[in-house]
Protein backbone atom coordinates (compact mmCIF):
# COMPACT_ATOMS: atom_id res chain seq x y z
CA UNK A 1 0.31 26.40 4.23
CA UNK A 2 0.29 23.91 1.29
CA UNK A 3 -0.17 20.21 1.91
CA UNK A 4 3.39 19.30 0.77
CA UNK A 5 4.82 21.39 3.65
CA UNK A 6 2.78 19.35 6.13
CA UNK A 7 4.35 16.09 5.02
CA UNK A 8 7.64 14.91 6.33
CA UNK A 9 10.19 13.28 3.82
CA UNK A 10 9.96 9.57 3.43
CA UNK A 11 13.70 9.45 3.98
CA UNK A 12 13.11 10.09 7.68
CA UNK A 13 10.87 7.00 7.98
CA UNK A 14 12.00 4.54 5.40
CA UNK A 15 13.09 1.80 5.34
CA UNK A 16 11.14 0.20 8.17
CA UNK A 17 10.74 -3.42 8.97
CA UNK A 18 8.66 -5.99 10.92
CA UNK A 19 9.59 -9.64 11.09
CA UNK A 20 10.99 -10.70 7.89
CA UNK A 21 9.08 -7.87 5.91
CA UNK A 22 10.82 -4.70 4.83
CA UNK A 23 8.89 -1.56 3.46
CA UNK A 24 11.24 0.68 1.42
CA UNK A 25 11.25 2.92 -1.67
CA UNK A 26 11.39 1.12 -4.97
CA UNK A 27 14.83 0.91 -6.66
CA UNK A 28 16.29 0.40 -10.22
CA UNK A 29 17.14 -3.20 -9.26
CA UNK A 30 13.52 -4.04 -8.62
CA UNK A 31 12.27 -3.67 -12.25
CA UNK A 32 12.61 -7.44 -13.05
CA UNK A 33 10.73 -8.59 -10.02
CA UNK A 34 8.12 -5.90 -10.26
CA UNK A 35 7.40 -6.73 -13.87
CA UNK A 36 7.20 -10.22 -13.14
CA UNK A 37 4.42 -10.22 -10.48
CA UNK A 38 2.70 -7.24 -12.06
CA UNK A 39 2.22 -9.43 -15.23
CA UNK A 40 0.31 -11.93 -13.34
CA UNK A 41 -3.38 -11.72 -14.55
CA UNK A 42 -4.57 -13.41 -11.34
CA UNK A 43 -2.96 -10.64 -9.26
CA UNK A 44 -4.30 -7.97 -11.62
CA UNK A 45 -7.95 -9.12 -11.29
CA UNK A 46 -8.88 -7.03 -8.26
CA UNK A 47 -6.20 -4.39 -8.70
CA UNK A 48 -6.68 -0.81 -10.05
CA UNK A 49 -3.61 -1.43 -12.23
CA UNK A 50 -3.20 -3.37 -15.52
CA UNK A 51 -0.17 -5.40 -16.59
CA UNK A 52 2.57 -3.30 -18.26
CA UNK A 53 5.44 -3.95 -20.50
CA UNK A 54 9.02 -4.34 -19.22
CA UNK A 55 9.81 -0.79 -20.62
CA UNK A 56 6.84 0.72 -18.88
CA UNK A 57 7.70 -0.98 -15.60
CA UNK A 58 11.20 0.27 -15.92
CA UNK A 59 9.98 3.92 -16.26
CA UNK A 60 7.40 3.54 -13.50
CA UNK A 61 9.93 2.19 -11.04
CA UNK A 62 12.44 4.87 -11.87
CA UNK A 63 9.83 7.48 -11.20
CA UNK A 64 8.92 6.04 -7.85
CA UNK A 65 12.59 5.46 -6.82
CA UNK A 66 13.29 9.11 -6.74
CA UNK A 67 9.87 10.16 -4.96
CA UNK A 68 10.91 11.70 -1.63
CA UNK A 69 7.57 12.27 -0.02
CA UNK A 70 3.95 11.37 -0.09
CA UNK A 71 2.25 13.52 -2.77
CA UNK A 72 -1.04 15.40 -1.93
CA UNK A 73 -3.36 14.52 -4.72
CA UNK A 74 -1.08 11.74 -6.14
CA UNK A 75 -0.13 8.15 -5.61
CA UNK A 76 3.34 6.99 -4.25
CA UNK A 77 4.25 3.32 -4.74
CA UNK A 78 6.61 1.69 -2.03
CA UNK A 79 8.26 -1.63 -2.24
CA UNK A 80 7.47 -4.61 -0.07
CA UNK A 81 10.79 -6.62 0.19
CA UNK A 82 11.75 -9.89 1.90
CA UNK A 83 13.80 -8.70 4.88
CA UNK A 84 16.42 -11.44 4.78
CA UNK A 85 17.16 -11.09 1.06
CA UNK A 86 15.96 -7.52 0.21
CA UNK A 87 14.15 -8.99 -2.79
CA UNK A 88 11.17 -7.07 -3.93
CA UNK A 89 8.06 -9.31 -3.50
CA UNK A 90 5.15 -6.66 -3.75
CA UNK A 91 4.34 -3.04 -3.61
CA UNK A 92 2.04 -0.76 -1.65
CA UNK A 93 0.43 2.37 -2.99
CA UNK A 94 -0.44 5.33 -0.94
CA UNK A 95 -2.60 8.34 -1.96
CA UNK A 96 -2.95 11.45 0.28
CA UNK A 97 -5.78 13.86 -0.71
CA UNK A 98 -5.28 17.56 -1.32
CA UNK A 99 -6.40 18.47 2.17
CA UNK A 100 -3.81 15.97 3.72
CA UNK A 101 -6.70 14.63 5.89
CA UNK A 102 -7.46 11.50 4.14
CA UNK A 103 -5.22 8.74 2.60
CA UNK A 104 -6.01 5.61 0.66
CA UNK A 105 -3.92 2.43 0.42
CA UNK A 106 -3.72 -0.38 -1.98
CA UNK A 107 -1.33 -3.31 -2.01
CA UNK A 108 -0.03 -6.19 -4.20
CA UNK A 109 2.00 -9.18 -3.22
CA UNK A 110 3.57 -11.81 -5.59
CA UNK A 111 1.62 -15.02 -5.27
CA UNK A 112 4.84 -16.96 -4.19
CA UNK A 113 5.04 -14.83 -0.95
CA UNK A 114 1.40 -14.72 -0.05
CA UNK A 115 0.05 -16.32 3.22
CA UNK A 116 3.37 -15.60 5.04
CA UNK A 117 2.40 -12.40 6.93
CA UNK A 118 4.22 -10.12 4.58
CA UNK A 119 1.08 -8.26 3.49
CA UNK A 120 -0.30 -7.64 6.90
CA UNK A 121 3.13 -6.46 8.16
CA UNK A 122 3.53 -4.09 5.18
CA UNK A 123 0.00 -2.66 5.71
CA UNK A 124 0.69 -1.95 9.36
CA UNK A 125 4.20 -0.42 8.57
CA UNK A 126 2.55 1.80 5.94
CA UNK A 127 -0.24 2.84 8.25
CA UNK A 128 2.24 3.90 10.81
CA UNK A 129 4.28 5.66 8.15
CA UNK A 130 1.27 7.61 6.94
CA UNK A 131 0.29 8.76 10.39
CA UNK A 132 3.88 9.60 11.22
CA UNK A 133 4.57 11.56 8.00
CA UNK A 134 1.41 13.55 7.52
CA UNK A 135 -1.56 14.92 9.52
CA UNK A 136 -3.87 12.38 7.95
CA UNK A 137 -6.90 11.61 10.20
CA UNK A 138 -8.22 8.49 8.32
CA UNK A 139 -6.71 5.80 6.04
CA UNK A 140 -9.08 4.07 3.64
CA UNK A 141 -8.80 0.80 1.49
CA UNK A 142 -11.31 -0.42 -0.86
CA UNK A 143 -11.53 -4.15 -1.74
CA UNK A 144 -13.74 -6.32 -3.93
CA UNK A 145 -16.18 -8.43 -1.89
CA UNK A 146 -14.84 -11.57 -3.86
CA UNK A 147 -11.34 -10.82 -2.54
CA UNK A 148 -11.64 -12.59 0.78
CA UNK A 149 -7.82 -12.71 1.44
CA UNK A 150 -7.77 -8.82 1.24
CA UNK A 151 -10.82 -8.58 3.40
CA UNK A 152 -9.30 -10.75 6.07
CA UNK A 153 -5.99 -8.88 5.92
CA UNK A 154 -7.66 -5.44 6.31
CA UNK A 155 -9.78 -6.81 9.35
CA UNK A 156 -6.75 -8.44 10.84
CA UNK A 157 -4.80 -5.08 10.46
CA UNK A 158 -7.38 -3.14 12.43
CA UNK A 159 -9.37 -1.51 9.55
CA UNK A 160 -13.12 -1.34 10.17
CA UNK A 161 -15.72 -1.98 7.55
CA UNK A 162 -17.53 1.35 6.58
CA UNK A 163 -19.85 0.72 3.80
CA UNK A 164 -20.28 -1.36 0.57
CA UNK A 165 -21.71 -0.54 -2.80
CA UNK A 166 -22.37 -1.97 -6.25
CA UNK A 167 -20.14 -0.93 -9.04
CA UNK A 168 -18.63 -2.05 -12.36
CA UNK A 169 -14.84 -2.87 -12.26
CA UNK A 170 -12.90 -4.02 -15.34
CA UNK A 171 -16.12 -4.90 -17.06
CA UNK A 172 -17.52 -6.90 -14.22
CA UNK A 173 -20.35 -6.05 -12.00
CA UNK A 174 -19.21 -6.47 -8.33
CA UNK A 175 -19.59 -5.16 -4.85
CA UNK A 176 -16.85 -3.06 -3.40
CA UNK A 177 -16.27 -2.77 0.40
CA UNK A 178 -14.76 0.34 2.04
CA UNK A 179 -12.56 -0.12 5.11
CA UNK A 180 -10.97 2.60 7.22
CA UNK A 181 -8.36 3.03 9.97
CA UNK A 182 -8.73 6.22 12.09
CA UNK A 183 -5.69 7.97 13.67
CA UNK A 184 -7.73 8.24 16.87
CA UNK A 185 -8.79 4.62 17.01
CA UNK A 186 -7.12 1.99 18.92
CA UNK A 187 -3.85 0.53 17.53
CA UNK A 188 -4.43 -2.79 16.10
CA UNK A 189 -1.85 -4.64 18.33
CA UNK A 190 1.11 -4.01 20.56
CA UNK A 191 3.46 -5.15 17.90
CA UNK A 192 2.29 -2.47 15.49
CA UNK A 193 1.69 0.82 17.59
CA UNK A 194 0.40 3.45 15.09
CA UNK A 195 2.01 6.46 16.96
CA UNK A 196 5.62 6.94 17.98
C-alpha cells in the first residue's frame, strides 16, 4: 500500500477552528495578503523560504489551493486565517515523509497578528489534523535558537525539545533546536485533544 492511500483527504478535516483562528486551505483571494507578509524580511530571517514576487506568490497559492491531501515526500501549505473576517494572516507548512511515519511542521504569521494566540492555535489544529489524516507517529519542528517566540510557542503547544546542533542557515552560523510531538504522548491541553 502506498503512502498516499494511507492519508485521508484534507477536505474531510478542513476548515477547522479554535477561538478566532481558522486553519484552511489557501485560496485565490489570499494572494495579496500572502505576498505582503511573505515580503517582510524580518519574518523571512528564520524561515526556510525567501521573499517571492507577486507572480510567484500567485502561482504558489494557486498550486496549494488545489492540493487535496498531505503529500508523502512533499510539503503542503495551509492558510492561517482570522476567524471573524476570514482574512489570511499566515500559513503553516506540513511535510510528511515517504513512510508516512514522520511529519515536519513550519509556520509563519504576519507581524500584525502575532502575540494574539493565533500561531499556537494553528499549530495545535495542524497537529490534530496530521494525526487524524495520516498514521504519522511523530511531528517535528525545527527552530533557530535565536527565535525565542517560536521556541515558546512550541513548548506551550506540547512539543518536547529533542536535540540541538550547530549549522549554517542563510549564510549565518546558528544553533537549530529540534522539537517533537508524539502521537502516543499526552495531549497538550483539554482544549486541544490530539485524537478524535
